[in-house]
Amino acid sequence: MNWAMLFDAISLLFILPGSFMVFSAAVGAVRFGSTLARVHAITKPQTTGLLLMFVGTIIRLVSSPSFSVHERGDLGILVLLVLFALMTNPVTAQRLGRVARREGLYGSEDQLTRNDRPAAYHPRRVNPDAPAE
């Protein structure tokens, strides 16, 4: 077993779980019903899976026998993509959650807990004299 095969196996150990996590994010986006559940299903595993796949790709690039200028350029682009994904994914999820909460895109009434309901649904906010739940 040579070093190239070892580094290929290590990069595969990062790429396969990462691709599974990105696939599970896509399945979660299709299967979940409410907007907030979809946002949660999309952002968490997608970011982690993307990072795992990038780490595997970086390991593969660094361990290539001809680590030339072209591979270094690819490495720089991958690092920029990682930074961009880490900066934009949380902000996008937060904005989607705020819009969903403001517009009332919660899902069906029977799926909501007390803390998920908007302020107008709380009896004490609508009627301050109402008994506490």
Foldseek 3Di string as FASTA:
>chain_A
DDPLVVLLVVLVVLLVVLVVLQVQLVVQLVPDDFQLSNLVSNQPSNLSSLVSNLVSVLSNLVPDPDNDPVSVVVNVVSVVVNVVSVVPSVVVSVVSVVVCLVVVRGGDPVPDDPVSHHQCPQPCSVPVPDDHD
